[in-house]
């Protein structure tokens, strides 16, 4: 990540980032390289998340190894830094609309 950012590339980290330690590491690299960071907190209602995980566990084509028990054991440290929260509990279209309305304008504003 640090090398890519140093080379002027845009980097998207698609990760759980459930612990503050990982978030702080990303922000530290961002500060070192003088680039901006946007944390996007994607939420999903528990019932929907478990249903999706159950369906996924029956699919041999999935790359994820997450299961309902993984979800039940998951711990997410509260997000205390600035972020944009997006709800992924409904349709892909609704998710895309939220991204276009709430994330893209921030990214576009930072690029100007």
Protein backbone atom coordinates (compact mmCIF):
# COMPACT_ATOMS: atom_id res chain seq x y z
CA UNK A 1 0.00 0.00 0.00
CA UNK A 2 2.67 2.50 1.01
CA UNK A 3 4.62 2.03 -2.22
CA UNK A 4 1.49 2.38 -4.36
CA UNK A 5 0.41 5.57 -2.60
CA UNK A 6 3.95 6.94 -2.81
CA UNK A 7 3.78 6.35 -6.57
CA UNK A 8 0.63 8.49 -6.76
CA UNK A 9 -1.73 5.56 -7.23
CA UNK A 10 -5.21 5.46 -5.72
CA UNK A 11 -5.55 2.59 -3.27
CA UNK A 12 -8.72 0.93 -2.04
CA UNK A 13 -8.35 -1.42 0.89
CA UNK A 14 -11.26 -3.81 0.97
CA UNK A 15 -10.85 -5.24 4.43
CA UNK A 16 -12.81 -5.87 7.58
CA UNK A 17 -10.64 -3.51 9.62
CA UNK A 18 -12.44 -4.66 12.73
CA UNK A 19 -9.64 -3.58 15.06
CA UNK A 20 -8.48 -0.03 15.74
CA UNK A 21 -4.85 -1.14 15.37
CA UNK A 22 -5.34 -1.84 11.64
CA UNK A 23 -7.19 1.41 11.09
CA UNK A 24 -4.42 3.33 12.84
CA UNK A 25 -1.81 1.64 10.65
CA UNK A 26 -3.63 2.70 7.48
CA UNK A 27 -4.01 6.24 8.76
CA UNK A 28 -0.32 6.35 9.72
CA UNK A 29 0.70 5.38 6.18
CA UNK A 30 -1.74 7.94 4.84
CA UNK A 31 -0.17 10.65 6.99
CA UNK A 32 3.38 9.60 6.04
CA UNK A 33 2.57 9.76 2.34
CA UNK A 34 0.44 12.90 2.66
CA UNK A 35 -2.59 11.31 1.05
CA UNK A 36 -6.19 11.43 2.17
CA UNK A 37 -8.01 8.53 3.77
CA UNK A 38 -11.71 7.79 3.77
CA UNK A 39 -13.07 5.04 5.98
CA UNK A 40 -16.34 3.61 4.70
CA UNK A 41 -18.16 1.59 7.36
CA UNK A 42 -20.48 -0.88 5.64
CA UNK A 43 -23.20 -2.25 7.89
CA UNK A 44 -25.80 -4.94 7.35
CA UNK A 45 -28.72 -6.04 9.50
CA UNK A 46 -27.87 -9.26 11.33
CA UNK A 47 -30.73 -11.28 9.85
CA UNK A 48 -29.72 -10.29 6.32
CA UNK A 49 -26.02 -10.95 6.92
CA UNK A 50 -26.69 -14.41 8.32
CA UNK A 51 -29.03 -15.25 5.46
CA UNK A 52 -26.41 -14.23 2.90
CA UNK A 53 -23.71 -16.21 4.69
CA UNK A 54 -25.93 -19.28 4.78
CA UNK A 55 -26.63 -19.03 1.05
CA UNK A 56 -22.95 -18.46 0.35
CA UNK A 57 -21.93 -21.54 2.34
CA UNK A 58 -23.97 -23.65 -0.09
CA UNK A 59 -22.15 -22.18 -3.10
CA UNK A 60 -18.94 -23.83 -4.29
CA UNK A 61 -17.98 -20.74 -6.33
CA UNK A 62 -17.50 -18.41 -3.35
CA UNK A 63 -14.05 -17.18 -2.39
CA UNK A 64 -15.12 -16.30 1.15
CA UNK A 65 -14.68 -18.71 4.02
CA UNK A 66 -16.98 -16.74 6.33
CA UNK A 67 -19.86 -18.65 7.89
CA UNK A 68 -22.71 -17.86 10.25
CA UNK A 69 -20.55 -19.05 13.16
CA UNK A 70 -17.78 -16.69 11.96
CA UNK A 71 -20.33 -13.89 12.12
CA UNK A 72 -21.44 -14.90 15.62
CA UNK A 73 -17.84 -14.90 16.87
CA UNK A 74 -16.88 -11.65 15.16
CA UNK A 75 -15.77 -8.68 17.25
CA UNK A 76 -15.74 -5.14 15.86
CA UNK A 77 -14.08 -2.42 17.89
CA UNK A 78 -16.16 0.76 17.75
CA UNK A 79 -15.21 3.11 14.96
CA UNK A 80 -14.14 6.39 16.58
CA UNK A 81 -12.60 8.12 13.59
CA UNK A 82 -14.40 10.01 10.82
CA UNK A 83 -16.20 7.68 8.45
CA UNK A 84 -19.12 7.34 6.09
CA UNK A 85 -21.57 4.63 7.07
CA UNK A 86 -23.33 2.72 4.31
CA UNK A 87 -26.12 0.17 4.85
CA UNK A 88 -25.78 -2.98 2.77
CA UNK A 89 -28.98 -4.64 4.02
CA UNK A 90 -31.08 -4.23 0.91
CA UNK A 91 -30.38 -4.30 -2.81
CA UNK A 92 -27.25 -3.74 -4.85
CA UNK A 93 -29.01 -0.76 -6.45
CA UNK A 94 -29.63 0.81 -3.04
CA UNK A 95 -26.01 0.23 -2.08
CA UNK A 96 -24.82 1.83 -5.29
CA UNK A 97 -27.12 4.83 -4.74
CA UNK A 98 -25.65 5.35 -1.26
CA UNK A 99 -22.12 5.18 -2.62
CA UNK A 100 -22.93 7.65 -5.37
CA UNK A 101 -24.63 10.04 -2.95
CA UNK A 102 -22.28 9.80 0.03
CA UNK A 103 -18.86 8.48 -0.99
CA UNK A 104 -18.20 9.60 -4.57
CA UNK A 105 -18.76 13.32 -3.78
CA UNK A 106 -16.14 13.11 -1.02
CA UNK A 107 -13.64 11.38 -3.30
CA UNK A 108 -14.31 13.83 -6.12
CA UNK A 109 -13.94 16.76 -3.71
CA UNK A 110 -10.56 15.47 -2.53
CA UNK A 111 -9.29 15.06 -6.06
CA UNK A 112 -9.96 18.69 -7.00
